[in-house]
Amino acid sequence: PLFAVQSIAGNQMYQSRGPTPSWAKSMHRVGAGGLAALFTVNTVTGVWNLWDSRSNPKGRTRRWIHAGLMLASDAGFTYAGVKLGPDATRSRAKQTQHRRVALISMSGALLGYSVMLFGNR
């Protein structure tokens, strides 16, 4: 749901040629805060779980692939929000870069989620 909210609101902001709709700005900020909180909690618990499972050889490769994809997504979301977000308000090129990094990070997170979801079957 958070990815959907971010995509819809962000796309509305990206495609608007005039003033950005206030609902899109508000929803995008709320969604960004929600993603930051969710990924912070997931990163802390995920790294903790990875550490706790270090001696279990079963599923180790899958866990490390999942962890790598999720940490890369964390980095991408952080870069998109902290660095590119403020710059995107002043530059169309930065808006495009912000959008691209966010979509790549979403894709990586969904792939990382899928590795664990479908890897157990």
PDB file of N, CA and C in Angstrom:
ATOM      1  N   PRO A   1       0.797  -1.210   0.000  1.00  0.00           N
ATOM      2  CA  PRO A   1       0.000   0.000   0.000  1.00  0.00           C
ATOM      3  C   PRO A   1       0.843   1.280   0.000  1.00  0.00           C
ATOM      4  N   LEU A   2       1.957   1.268   0.754  1.00  0.00           N
ATOM      5  CA  LEU A   2       2.793   2.478   0.780  1.00  0.00           C
ATOM      6  C   LEU A   2       3.431   2.732  -0.583  1.00  0.00           C
ATOM      7  N   PHE A   3       3.855   1.675  -1.253  1.00  0.00           N
ATOM      8  CA  PHE A   3       4.430   1.846  -2.588  1.00  0.00           C
ATOM      9  C   PHE A   3       3.373   2.402  -3.544  1.00  0.00           C
ATOM     10  N   ALA A   4       2.150   1.934  -3.420  1.00  0.00           N
ATOM     11  CA  ALA A   4       1.075   2.420  -4.287  1.00  0.00           C
ATOM     12  C   ALA A   4       0.793   3.902  -4.034  1.00  0.00           C
ATOM     13  N   VAL A   5       0.712   4.275  -2.760  1.00  0.00           N
ATOM     14  CA  VAL A   5       0.481   5.686  -2.409  1.00  0.00           C
ATOM     15  C   VAL A   5       1.603   6.560  -2.959  1.00  0.00           C
ATOM     16  N   GLN A   6       2.842   6.124  -2.757  1.00  0.00           N
ATOM     17  CA  GLN A   6       3.989   6.892  -3.242  1.00  0.00           C
ATOM     18  C   GLN A   6       3.977   6.994  -4.769  1.00  0.00           C
ATOM     19  N   SER A   7       3.658   5.906  -5.414  1.00  0.00           N
ATOM     20  CA  SER A   7       3.646   5.910  -6.880  1.00  0.00           C
ATOM     21  C   SER A   7       2.571   6.840  -7.434  1.00  0.00           C
ATOM     22  N   ILE A   8       1.382   6.756  -6.876  1.00  0.00           N
ATOM     23  CA  ILE A   8       0.272   7.588  -7.364  1.00  0.00           C
ATOM     24  C   ILE A   8       0.537   9.063  -7.094  1.00  0.00           C
ATOM     25  N   ALA A   9       0.887   9.381  -5.852  1.00  0.00           N
ATOM     26  CA  ALA A   9       1.131  10.787  -5.506  1.00  0.00           C
ATOM     27  C   ALA A   9       2.356  11.328  -6.230  1.00  0.00           C
ATOM     28  N   GLY A  10       3.429  10.543  -6.252  1.00  0.00           N
ATOM     29  CA  GLY A  10       4.648  10.984  -6.937  1.00  0.00           C
ATOM     30  C   GLY A  10       4.434  11.168  -8.418  1.00  0.00           C
ATOM     31  N   ASN A  11       3.688  10.262  -9.039  1.00  0.00           N
ATOM     32  CA  ASN A  11       3.408  10.380 -10.466  1.00  0.00           C
ATOM     33  C   ASN A  11       2.565  11.626 -10.761  1.00  0.00           C
ATOM     34  N   GLN A  12       1.619  11.911  -9.889  1.00  0.00           N
ATOM     35  CA  GLN A  12       0.804  13.121 -10.060  1.00  0.00           C
ATOM     36  C   GLN A  12       1.683  14.375  -9.983  1.00  0.00           C
ATOM     37  N   MET A  13       2.625  14.374  -9.041  1.00  0.00           N
ATOM     38  CA  MET A  13       3.532  15.514  -8.914  1.00  0.00           C
ATOM     39  C   MET A  13       4.453  15.608 -10.127  1.00  0.00           C
ATOM     40  N   TYR A  14       4.921  14.466 -10.588  1.00  0.00           N
ATOM     41  CA  TYR A  14       5.857  14.425 -11.718  1.00  0.00           C
ATOM     42  C   TYR A  14       5.197  14.902 -12.999  1.00  0.00           C
ATOM     43  N   GLN A  15       3.943  14.531 -13.200  1.00  0.00           N
ATOM     44  CA  GLN A  15       3.264  14.855 -14.461  1.00  0.00           C
ATOM     45  C   GLN A  15       2.588  16.218 -14.455  1.00  0.00           C
ATOM     46  N   SER A  16       2.471  16.844 -13.299  1.00  0.00           N
ATOM     47  CA  SER A  16       1.787  18.138 -13.260  1.00  0.00           C
ATOM     48  C   SER A  16       2.653  19.209 -13.923  1.00  0.00           C
ATOM     49  N   ARG A  17       2.083  19.912 -14.816  1.00  0.00           N
ATOM     50  CA  ARG A  17       2.800  20.974 -15.547  1.00  0.00           C
ATOM     51  C   ARG A  17       2.660  22.320 -14.853  1.00  0.00           C
ATOM     52  N   GLY A  18       1.617  22.472 -14.105  1.00  0.00           N
ATOM     53  CA  GLY A  18       1.407  23.714 -13.362  1.00  0.00           C
ATOM     54  C   GLY A  18       1.733  23.484 -11.898  1.00  0.00           C
ATOM     55  N   PRO A  19       0.998  24.163 -11.037  1.00  0.00           N
ATOM     56  CA  PRO A  19       1.201  23.961  -9.599  1.00  0.00           C
ATOM     57  C   PRO A  19       0.886  22.510  -9.209  1.00  0.00           C
ATOM     58  N   THR A  20       1.688  21.958  -8.329  1.00  0.00           N
ATOM     59  CA  THR A  20       1.476  20.587  -7.873  1.00  0.00           C
ATOM     60  C   THR A  20       0.250  20.541  -6.972  1.00  0.00           C
ATOM     61  N   PRO A  21      -0.639  19.569  -7.193  1.00  0.00           N
ATOM     62  CA  PRO A  21      -1.816  19.449  -6.311  1.00  0.00           C
ATOM     63  C   PRO A  21      -1.386  19.237  -4.856  1.00  0.00           C
ATOM     64  N   SER A  22      -2.052  19.941  -3.951  1.00  0.00           N
ATOM     65  CA  SER A  22      -1.666  19.868  -2.537  1.00  0.00           C
ATOM     66  C   SER A  22      -1.874  18.470  -1.965  1.00  0.00           C
ATOM     67  N   TRP A  23      -2.901  17.744  -2.421  1.00  0.00           N
ATOM     68  CA  TRP A  23      -3.132  16.390  -1.918  1.00  0.00           C
ATOM     69  C   TRP A  23      -1.957  15.481  -2.277  1.00  0.00           C
ATOM     70  N   ALA A  24      -1.386  15.676  -3.469  1.00  0.00           N
ATOM     71  CA  ALA A  24      -0.273  14.827  -3.897  1.00  0.00           C
ATOM     72  C   ALA A  24       0.966  15.107  -3.051  1.00  0.00           C
ATOM     73  N   LYS A  25       1.235  16.381  -2.798  1.00  0.00           N
ATOM     74  CA  LYS A  25       2.381  16.745  -1.947  1.00  0.00           C
ATOM     75  C   LYS A  25       2.223  16.159  -0.551  1.00  0.00           C
ATOM     76  N   SER A  26       1.045  16.326   0.025  1.00  0.00           N
ATOM     77  CA  SER A  26       0.788  15.823   1.379  1.00  0.00           C
ATOM     78  C   SER A  26       0.908  14.304   1.441  1.00  0.00           C
ATOM     79  N   MET A  27       0.275  13.623   0.495  1.00  0.00           N
ATOM     80  CA  MET A  27       0.314  12.155   0.491  1.00  0.00           C
ATOM     81  C   MET A  27       1.731  11.640   0.262  1.00  0.00           C
ATOM     82  N   HIS A  28       2.485  12.340  -0.576  1.00  0.00           N
ATOM     83  CA  HIS A  28       3.848  11.904  -0.857  1.00  0.00           C
ATOM     84  C   HIS A  28       4.726  12.056   0.389  1.00  0.00           C
ATOM     85  N   ARG A  29       4.524  13.133   1.133  1.00  0.00           N
ATOM     86  CA  ARG A  29       5.282  13.327   2.374  1.00  0.00           C
ATOM     87  C   ARG A  29       4.903  12.289   3.428  1.00  0.00           C
ATOM     88  N   VAL A  30       3.604  12.033   3.571  1.00  0.00           N
ATOM     89  CA  VAL A  30       3.140  11.036   4.533  1.00  0.00           C
ATOM     90  C   VAL A  30       3.661   9.650   4.144  1.00  0.00           C
ATOM     91  N   GLY A  31       3.564   9.325   2.856  1.00  0.00           N
ATOM     92  CA  GLY A  31       4.063   8.036   2.380  1.00  0.00           C
ATOM     93  C   GLY A  31       5.559   7.892   2.583  1.00  0.00           C
ATOM     94  N   ALA A  32       6.306   8.957   2.355  1.00  0.00           N
ATOM     95  CA  ALA A  32       7.757   8.924   2.549  1.00  0.00           C
ATOM     96  C   ALA A  32       8.092   8.684   4.020  1.00  0.00           C
ATOM     97  N   GLY A  33       7.383   9.337   4.892  1.00  0.00           N
ATOM     98  CA  GLY A  33       7.598   9.118   6.326  1.00  0.00           C
ATOM     99  C   GLY A  33       7.261   7.690   6.732  1.00  0.00           C
ATOM    100  N   GLY A  34       6.166   7.173   6.183  1.00  0.00           N
ATOM    101  CA  GLY A  34       5.776   5.797   6.461  1.00  0.00           C
ATOM    102  C   GLY A  34       6.815   4.803   5.971  1.00  0.00           C
ATOM    103  N   LEU A  35       7.325   5.034   4.761  1.00  0.00           N
ATOM    104  CA  LEU A  35       8.370   4.152   4.228  1.00  0.00           C
ATOM    105  C   LEU A  35       9.641   4.232   5.057  1.00  0.00           C
ATOM    106  N   ALA A  36      10.003   5.424   5.472  1.00  0.00           N
ATOM    107  CA  ALA A  36      11.211   5.585   6.298  1.00  0.00           C
ATOM    108  C   ALA A  36      11.065   4.818   7.610  1.00  0.00           C
ATOM    109  N   ALA A  37       9.905   4.939   8.249  1.00  0.00           N
ATOM    110  CA  ALA A  37       9.676   4.227   9.512  1.00  0.00           C
ATOM    111  C   ALA A  37       9.663   2.714   9.294  1.00  0.00           C
ATOM    112  N   LEU A  38       8.945   2.266   8.275  1.00  0.00           N
ATOM    113  CA  LEU A  38       8.844   0.839   8.000  1.00  0.00           C
ATOM    114  C   LEU A  38      10.199   0.225   7.679  1.00  0.00           C
ATOM    115  N   PHE A  39      10.957   0.877   6.811  1.00  0.00           N
ATOM    116  CA  PHE A  39      12.249   0.315   6.429  1.00  0.00           C
ATOM    117  C   PHE A  39      13.275   0.411   7.550  1.00  0.00           C
ATOM    118  N   THR A  40      13.157   1.393   8.425  1.00  0.00           N
ATOM    119  CA  THR A  40      14.053   1.462   9.585  1.00  0.00           C
ATOM    120  C   THR A  40      13.803   0.274  10.517  1.00  0.00           C
ATOM    121  N   VAL A  41      12.549   0.039  10.842  1.00  0.00           N
ATOM    122  CA  VAL A  41      12.202  -1.087  11.719  1.00  0.00           C
ATOM    123  C   VAL A  41      12.585  -2.407  11.056  1.00  0.00           C
ATOM    124  N   ASN A  42      12.256  -2.570   9.770  1.00  0.00           N
ATOM    125  CA  ASN A  42      12.583  -3.809   9.069  1.00  0.00           C
ATOM    126  C   ASN A  42      14.094  -4.034   8.978  1.00  0.00           C
ATOM    127  N   THR A  43      14.846  -2.978   8.803  1.00  0.00           N
ATOM    128  CA  THR A  43      16.301  -3.120   8.714  1.00  0.00           C
ATOM    129  C   THR A  43      16.883  -3.564  10.050  1.00  0.00           C
ATOM    130  N   VAL A  44      16.445  -2.937  11.127  1.00  0.00           N
ATOM    131  CA  VAL A  44      16.956  -3.312  12.450  1.00  0.00           C
ATOM    132  C   VAL A  44      16.604  -4.770  12.758  1.00  0.00           C
ATOM    133  N   THR A  45      15.349  -5.141  12.580  1.00  0.00           N
ATOM    134  CA  THR A  45      14.956  -6.522  12.887  1.00  0.00           C
ATOM    135  C   THR A  45      15.565  -7.502  11.890  1.00  0.00           C
ATOM    136  N   GLY A  46      15.681  -7.105  10.637  1.00  0.00           N
ATOM    137  CA  GLY A  46      16.265  -7.995   9.631  1.00  0.00           C
ATOM    138  C   GLY A  46      17.730  -8.281   9.873  1.00  0.00           C
ATOM    139  N   VAL A  47      18.498  -7.256  10.206  1.00  0.00           N
ATOM    140  CA  VAL A  47      19.917  -7.462  10.500  1.00  0.00           C
ATOM    141  C   VAL A  47      20.066  -8.308  11.770  1.00  0.00           C
ATOM    142  N   TRP A  48      19.225  -8.063  12.726  1.00  0.00           N
ATOM    143  CA  TRP A  48      19.238  -8.849  13.953  1.00  0.00           C
ATOM    144  C   TRP A  48      18.946 -10.326  13.644  1.00  0.00           C
ATOM    145  N   ASN A  49      17.913 -10.575  12.836  1.00  0.00           N
ATOM    146  CA  ASN A  49      17.580 -11.954  12.455  1.00  0.00           C
ATOM    147  C   ASN A  49      18.702 -12.596  11.641  1.00  0.00           C
ATOM    148  N   LEU A  50      19.315 -11.833  10.766  1.00  0.00           N
ATOM    149  CA  LEU A  50      20.422 -12.363   9.965  1.00  0.00           C
ATOM    150  C   LEU A  50      21.571 -12.776  10.886  1.00  0.00           C
ATOM    151  N   TRP A  51      21.859 -11.953  11.874  1.00  0.00           N
ATOM    152  CA  TRP A  51      22.915 -12.273  12.835  1.00  0.00           C
ATOM    153  C   TRP A  51      22.553 -13.536  13.637  1.00  0.00           C
ATOM    154  N   ASP A  52      21.327 -13.614  14.104  1.00  0.00           N
ATOM    155  CA  ASP A  52      20.895 -14.776  14.881  1.00  0.00           C
ATOM    156  C   ASP A  52      20.938 -16.075  14.077  1.00  0.00           C
ATOM    157  N   SER A  53      20.753 -15.986  12.768  1.00  0.00           N
ATOM    158  CA  SER A  53      20.718 -17.192  11.931  1.00  0.00           C
ATOM    159  C   SER A  53      22.076 -17.517  11.308  1.00  0.00           C
ATOM    160  N   ARG A  54      23.110 -16.838  11.739  1.00  0.00           N
ATOM    161  CA  ARG A  54      24.430 -16.995  11.111  1.00  0.00           C
ATOM    162  C   ARG A  54      24.971 -18.413  11.164  1.00  0.00           C
ATOM    163  N   SER A  55      24.584 -19.206  12.165  1.00  0.00           N
ATOM    164  CA  SER A  55      25.114 -20.570  12.272  1.00  0.00           C
ATOM    165  C   SER A  55      24.219 -21.614  11.603  1.00  0.00           C
ATOM    166  N   ASN A  56      23.105 -21.193  11.067  1.00  0.00           N
ATOM    167  CA  ASN A  56      22.185 -22.123  10.404  1.00  0.00           C
ATOM    168  C   ASN A  56      22.481 -22.141   8.902  1.00  0.00           C
ATOM    169  N   PRO A  57      23.003 -23.248   8.385  1.00  0.00           N
ATOM    170  CA  PRO A  57      23.356 -23.294   6.961  1.00  0.00           C
ATOM    171  C   PRO A  57      22.139 -23.400   6.035  1.00  0.00           C
ATOM    172  N   LYS A  58      21.015 -23.867   6.546  1.00  0.00           N
ATOM    173  CA  LYS A  58      19.828 -24.035   5.705  1.00  0.00           C
ATOM    174  C   LYS A  58      19.265 -22.667   5.287  1.00  0.00           C
ATOM    175  N   GLY A  59      19.195 -22.442   3.999  1.00  0.00           N
ATOM    176  CA  GLY A  59      18.641 -21.193   3.474  1.00  0.00           C
ATOM    177  C   GLY A  59      19.567 -19.995   3.565  1.00  0.00           C
ATOM    178  N   ARG A  60      20.837 -20.241   3.852  1.00  0.00           N
ATOM    179  CA  ARG A  60      21.779 -19.131   4.049  1.00  0.00           C
ATOM    180  C   ARG A  60      21.902 -18.257   2.806  1.00  0.00           C
ATOM    181  N   THR A  61      22.044 -18.857   1.648  1.00  0.00           N
ATOM    182  CA  THR A  61      22.198 -18.068   0.412  1.00  0.00           C
ATOM    183  C   THR A  61      20.974 -17.201   0.181  1.00  0.00           C
ATOM    184  N   ARG A  62      19.803 -17.784   0.355  1.00  0.00           N
ATOM    185  CA  ARG A  62      18.554 -17.034   0.166  1.00  0.00           C
ATOM    186  C   ARG A  62      18.474 -15.865   1.153  1.00  0.00           C
ATOM    187  N   ARG A  63      18.861 -16.098   2.405  1.00  0.00           N
ATOM    188  CA  ARG A  63      18.826 -15.016   3.406  1.00  0.00           C
ATOM    189  C   ARG A  63      19.766 -13.884   3.028  1.00  0.00           C
ATOM    190  N   TRP A  64      20.958 -14.216   2.545  1.00  0.00           N
ATOM    191  CA  TRP A  64      21.932 -13.182   2.183  1.00  0.00           C
ATOM    192  C   TRP A  64      21.501 -12.415   0.939  1.00  0.00           C
ATOM    193  N   ILE A  65      20.901 -13.111  -0.016  1.00  0.00           N
ATOM    194  CA  ILE A  65      20.379 -12.409  -1.207  1.00  0.00           C
ATOM    195  C   ILE A  65      19.279 -11.446  -0.780  1.00  0.00           C
ATOM    196  N   HIS A  66      18.365 -11.930   0.054  1.00  0.00           N
ATOM    197  CA  HIS A  66      17.282 -11.095   0.574  1.00  0.00           C
ATOM    198  C   HIS A  66      17.845  -9.874   1.312  1.00  0.00           C
ATOM    199  N   ALA A  67      18.801 -10.112   2.201  1.00  0.00           N
ATOM    200  CA  ALA A  67      19.386  -9.023   2.982  1.00  0.00           C
ATOM    201  C   ALA A  67      20.074  -8.006   2.077  1.00  0.00           C
ATOM    202  N   GLY A  68      20.822  -8.480   1.093  1.00  0.00           N
ATOM    203  CA  GLY A  68      21.511  -7.570   0.178  1.00  0.00           C
ATOM    204  C   GLY A  68      20.544  -6.706  -0.611  1.00  0.00           C
ATOM    205  N   LEU A  69      19.480  -7.322  -1.122  1.00  0.00           N
ATOM    206  CA  LEU A  69      18.485  -6.564  -1.888  1.00  0.00           C
ATOM    207  C   LEU A  69      17.773  -5.535  -1.006  1.00  0.00           C
ATOM    208  N   MET A  70      17.437  -5.930   0.197  1.00  0.00           N
ATOM    209  CA  MET A  70      16.730  -5.005   1.085  1.00  0.00           C
ATOM    210  C   MET A  70      17.631  -3.861   1.549  1.00  0.00           C
ATOM    211  N   LEU A  71      18.891  -4.159   1.841  1.00  0.00           N
ATOM    212  CA  LEU A  71      19.809  -3.080   2.236  1.00  0.00           C
ATOM    213  C   LEU A  71      20.099  -2.137   1.078  1.00  0.00           C
ATOM    214  N   ALA A  72      20.196  -2.677  -0.134  1.00  0.00           N
ATOM    215  CA  ALA A  72      20.374  -1.818  -1.313  1.00  0.00           C
ATOM    216  C   ALA A  72      19.146  -0.929  -1.502  1.00  0.00           C
ATOM    217  N   SER A  73      17.962  -1.486  -1.281  1.00  0.00           N
ATOM    218  CA  SER A  73      16.734  -0.691  -1.368  1.00  0.00           C
ATOM    219  C   SER A  73      16.710   0.392  -0.303  1.00  0.00           C
ATOM    220  N   ASP A  74      17.135   0.052   0.909  1.00  0.00           N
ATOM    221  CA  ASP A  74      17.246   1.061   1.980  1.00  0.00           C
ATOM    222  C   ASP A  74      18.123   2.230   1.535  1.00  0.00           C
ATOM    223  N   ALA A  75      19.275   1.887   0.982  1.00  0.00           N
ATOM    224  CA  ALA A  75      20.207   2.922   0.534  1.00  0.00           C
ATOM    225  C   ALA A  75      19.578   3.776  -0.569  1.00  0.00           C
ATOM    226  N   GLY A  76      18.904   3.126  -1.489  1.00  0.00           N
ATOM    227  CA  GLY A  76      18.254   3.853  -2.577  1.00  0.00           C
ATOM    228  C   GLY A  76      17.165   4.781  -2.077  1.00  0.00           C
ATOM    229  N   PHE A  77      16.316   4.279  -1.175  1.00  0.00           N
ATOM    230  CA  PHE A  77      15.255   5.123  -0.619  1.00  0.00           C
ATOM    231  C   PHE A  77      15.829   6.307   0.151  1.00  0.00           C
ATOM    232  N   THR A  78      16.877   6.065   0.898  1.00  0.00           N
ATOM    233  CA  THR A  78      17.516   7.143   1.661  1.00  0.00           C
ATOM    234  C   THR A  78      18.072   8.204   0.724  1.00  0.00           C
ATOM    235  N   TYR A  79      18.756   7.764  -0.318  1.00  0.00           N
ATOM    236  CA  TYR A  79      19.320   8.710  -1.296  1.00  0.00           C
ATOM    237  C   TYR A  79      18.208   9.483  -2.007  1.00  0.00           C
ATOM    238  N   ALA A  80      17.162   8.762  -2.406  1.00  0.00           N
ATOM    239  CA  ALA A  80      16.044   9.422  -3.099  1.00  0.00           C
ATOM    240  C   ALA A  80      15.377  10.460  -2.208  1.00  0.00           C
ATOM    241  N   GLY A  81      15.216  10.137  -0.937  1.00  0.00           N
ATOM    242  CA  GLY A  81      14.516  11.047  -0.037  1.00  0.00           C
ATOM    243  C   GLY A  81      15.366  12.168   0.511  1.00  0.00           C
ATOM    244  N   VAL A  82      16.564  11.824   0.975  1.00  0.00           N
ATOM    245  CA  VAL A  82      17.395  12.816   1.656  1.00  0.00           C
ATOM    246  C   VAL A  82      18.108  13.738   0.666  1.00  0.00           C
ATOM    247  N   LYS A  83      18.671  13.189  -0.375  1.00  0.00           N
ATOM    248  CA  LYS A  83      19.451  13.995  -1.320  1.00  0.00           C
ATOM    249  C   LYS A  83      18.610  14.487  -2.505  1.00  0.00           C
ATOM    250  N   LEU A  84      17.939  13.550  -3.168  1.00  0.00           N
ATOM    251  CA  LEU A  84      17.246  13.926  -4.401  1.00  0.00           C
ATOM    252  C   LEU A  84      15.893  14.587  -4.161  1.00  0.00           C
ATOM    253  N   GLY A  85      15.243  14.286  -3.041  1.00  0.00           N
ATOM    254  CA  GLY A  85      13.932  14.878  -2.755  1.00  0.00           C
ATOM    255  C   GLY A  85      13.963  16.396  -2.738  1.00  0.00           C
ATOM    256  N   PRO A  86      14.823  17.009  -1.910  1.00  0.00           N
ATOM    257  CA  PRO A  86      14.881  18.473  -1.905  1.00  0.00           C
ATOM    258  C   PRO A  86      15.327  19.055  -3.250  1.00  0.00           C
ATOM    259  N   ASP A  87      16.267  18.379  -3.913  1.00  0.00           N
ATOM    260  CA  ASP A  87      16.724  18.864  -5.216  1.00  0.00           C
ATOM    261  C   ASP A  87      15.627  18.779  -6.270  1.00  0.00           C
ATOM    262  N   ALA A  88      14.723  17.801  -6.114  1.00  0.00           N
ATOM    263  CA  ALA A  88      13.659  17.592  -7.102  1.00  0.00           C
ATOM    264  C   ALA A  88      12.662  18.743  -7.142  1.00  0.00           C
ATOM    265  N   THR A  89      12.610  19.542  -6.081  1.00  0.00           N
ATOM    266  CA  THR A  89      11.694  20.685  -6.079  1.00  0.00           C
ATOM    267  C   THR A  89      12.195  21.816  -6.971  1.00  0.00           C
ATOM    268  N   ARG A  90      13.490  21.752  -7.345  1.00  0.00           N
ATOM    269  CA  ARG A  90      14.075  22.843  -8.122  1.00  0.00           C
ATOM    270  C   ARG A  90      14.494  22.460  -9.542  1.00  0.00           C
ATOM    271  N   SER A  91      14.487  21.157  -9.845  1.00  0.00           N
ATOM    272  CA  SER A  91      15.038  20.737 -11.128  1.00  0.00           C
ATOM    273  C   SER A  91      14.269  19.555 -11.707  1.00  0.00           C
ATOM    274  N   ARG A  92      13.886  19.685 -12.971  1.00  0.00           N
ATOM    275  CA  ARG A  92      13.190  18.573 -13.647  1.00  0.00           C
ATOM    276  C   ARG A  92      14.110  17.362 -13.780  1.00  0.00           C
ATOM    277  N   ALA A  93      15.388  17.577 -14.016  1.00  0.00           N
ATOM    278  CA  ALA A  93      16.335  16.465 -14.125  1.00  0.00           C
ATOM    279  C   ALA A  93      16.434  15.719 -12.793  1.00  0.00           C
ATOM    280  N   LYS A  94      16.421  16.445 -11.684  1.00  0.00           N
ATOM    281  CA  LYS A  94      16.474  15.811 -10.373  1.00  0.00           C
ATOM    282  C   LYS A  94      15.155  15.089 -10.051  1.00  0.00           C
ATOM    283  N   GLN A  95      14.042  15.629 -10.539  1.00  0.00           N
ATOM    284  CA  GLN A  95      12.763  14.921 -10.384  1.00  0.00           C
ATOM    285  C   GLN A  95      12.828  13.565 -11.079  1.00  0.00           C
ATOM    286  N   THR A  96      13.355  13.565 -12.275  1.00  0.00           N
ATOM    287  CA  THR A  96      13.480  12.323 -13.036  1.00  0.00           C
ATOM    288  C   THR A  96      14.409  11.353 -12.327  1.00  0.00           C
ATOM    289  N   GLN A  97      15.513  11.846 -11.817  1.00  0.00           N
ATOM    290  CA  GLN A  97      16.462  10.996 -11.104  1.00  0.00           C
ATOM    291  C   GLN A  97      15.832  10.469  -9.809  1.00  0.00           C
ATOM    292  N   HIS A  98      15.125  11.320  -9.082  1.00  0.00           N
ATOM    293  CA  HIS A  98      14.441  10.921  -7.851  1.00  0.00           C
ATOM    294  C   HIS A  98      13.452   9.795  -8.153  1.00  0.00           C
ATOM    295  N   ARG A  99      12.671   9.985  -9.187  1.00  0.00           N
ATOM    296  CA  ARG A  99      11.678   8.980  -9.592  1.00  0.00           C
ATOM    297  C   ARG A  99      12.352   7.664  -9.966  1.00  0.00           C
ATOM    298  N   ARG A 100      13.409   7.738 -10.749  1.00  0.00           N
ATOM    299  CA  ARG A 100      14.119   6.539 -11.200  1.00  0.00           C
ATOM    300  C   ARG A 100      14.712   5.767 -10.017  1.00  0.00           C
ATOM    301  N   VAL A 101      15.376   6.470  -9.117  1.00  0.00           N
ATOM    302  CA  VAL A 101      15.988   5.812  -7.953  1.00  0.00           C
ATOM    303  C   VAL A 101      14.899   5.199  -7.061  1.00  0.00           C
ATOM    304  N   ALA A 102      13.794   5.899  -6.869  1.00  0.00           N
ATOM    305  CA  ALA A 102      12.707   5.373  -6.041  1.00  0.00           C
ATOM    306  C   ALA A 102      12.094   4.118  -6.668  1.00  0.00           C
ATOM    307  N   LEU A 103      11.861   4.130  -7.975  1.00  0.00           N
ATOM    308  CA  LEU A 103      11.276   2.960  -8.643  1.00  0.00           C
ATOM    309  C   LEU A 103      12.233   1.768  -8.628  1.00  0.00           C
ATOM    310  N   ILE A 104      13.513   2.019  -8.821  1.00  0.00           N
ATOM    311  CA  ILE A 104      14.504   0.940  -8.739  1.00  0.00           C
ATOM    312  C   ILE A 104      14.543   0.377  -7.317  1.00  0.00           C
ATOM    313  N   SER A 105      14.478   1.245  -6.317  1.00  0.00           N
ATOM    314  CA  SER A 105      14.492   0.794  -4.922  1.00  0.00           C
ATOM    315  C   SER A 105      13.238  -0.012  -4.594  1.00  0.00           C
ATOM    316  N   MET A 106      12.090   0.420  -5.087  1.00  0.00           N
ATOM    317  CA  MET A 106      10.856  -0.346  -4.889  1.00  0.00           C
ATOM    318  C   MET A 106      10.971  -1.725  -5.532  1.00  0.00           C
ATOM    319  N   SER A 107      11.510  -1.762  -6.731  1.00  0.00           N
ATOM    320  CA  SER A 107      11.674  -3.040  -7.430  1.00  0.00           C
ATOM    321  C   SER A 107      12.604  -3.967  -6.664  1.00  0.00           C
ATOM    322  N   GLY A 108      13.694  -3.432  -6.163  1.00  0.00           N
ATOM    323  CA  GLY A 108      14.634  -4.237  -5.377  1.00  0.00           C
ATOM    324  C   GLY A 108      14.001  -4.771  -4.103  1.00  0.00           C
ATOM    325  N   ALA A 109      13.205  -3.943  -3.447  1.00  0.00           N
ATOM    326  CA  ALA A 109      12.538  -4.375  -2.216  1.00  0.00           C
ATOM    327  C   ALA A 109      11.515  -5.471  -2.509  1.00  0.00           C
ATOM    328  N   LEU A 110      10.760  -5.311  -3.585  1.00  0.00           N
ATOM    329  CA  LEU A 110       9.779  -6.337  -3.946  1.00  0.00           C
ATOM    330  C   LEU A 110      10.460  -7.641  -4.347  1.00  0.00           C
ATOM    331  N   LEU A 111      11.583  -7.541  -5.038  1.00  0.00           N
ATOM    332  CA  LEU A 111      12.340  -8.735  -5.403  1.00  0.00           C
ATOM    333  C   LEU A 111      12.900  -9.406  -4.144  1.00  0.00           C
ATOM    334  N   GLY A 112      13.435  -8.622  -3.227  1.00  0.00           N
ATOM    335  CA  GLY A 112      13.952  -9.161  -1.975  1.00  0.00           C
ATOM    336  C   GLY A 112      12.868  -9.838  -1.157  1.00  0.00           C
ATOM    337  N   TYR A 113      11.698  -9.248  -1.130  1.00  0.00           N
ATOM    338  CA  TYR A 113      10.546  -9.844  -0.446  1.00  0.00           C
ATOM    339  C   TYR A 113      10.173 -11.166  -1.114  1.00  0.00           C
ATOM    340  N   SER A 114      10.153 -11.162  -2.434  1.00  0.00           N
ATOM    341  CA  SER A 114       9.785 -12.366  -3.192  1.00  0.00           C
ATOM    342  C   SER A 114      10.769 -13.508  -2.980  1.00  0.00           C
ATOM    343  N   VAL A 115      12.044 -13.186  -2.833  1.00  0.00           N
ATOM    344  CA  VAL A 115      13.058 -14.225  -2.606  1.00  0.00           C
ATOM    345  C   VAL A 115      12.706 -15.034  -1.362  1.00  0.00           C
ATOM    346  N   MET A 116      12.276 -14.355  -0.312  1.00  0.00           N
ATOM    347  CA  MET A 116      11.928 -15.077   0.912  1.00  0.00           C
ATOM    348  C   MET A 116      10.532 -15.686   0.829  1.00  0.00           C
ATOM    349  N   LEU A 117       9.600 -15.013   0.195  1.00  0.00           N
ATOM    350  CA  LEU A 117       8.234 -15.497   0.116  1.00  0.00           C
ATOM    351  C   LEU A 117       8.146 -16.777  -0.710  1.00  0.00           C
ATOM    352  N   PHE A 118       8.753 -16.765  -1.898  1.00  0.00           N
ATOM    353  CA  PHE A 118       8.644 -17.901  -2.804  1.00  0.00           C
ATOM    354  C   PHE A 118       9.809 -18.875  -2.682  1.00  0.00           C
ATOM    355  N   GLY A 119      10.845 -18.484  -1.968  1.00  0.00           N
ATOM    356  CA  GLY A 119      12.014 -19.350  -1.810  1.00  0.00           C
ATOM    357  C   GLY A 119      11.770 -20.505  -0.846  1.00  0.00           C
ATOM    358  N   ASN A 120      10.728 -20.418  -0.047  1.00  0.00           N
ATOM    359  CA  ASN A 120      10.449 -21.473   0.930  1.00  0.00           C
ATOM    360  C   ASN A 120       9.600 -22.596   0.359  1.00  0.00           C
ATOM    361  N   ARG A 121       9.222 -22.516  -0.859  1.00  0.00           N
ATOM    362  CA  ARG A 121       8.315 -23.512  -1.451  1.00  0.00           C
ATOM    363  C   ARG A 121       9.065 -24.627  -2.092  1.00  0.00           C
TER     364      ARG A 121
END
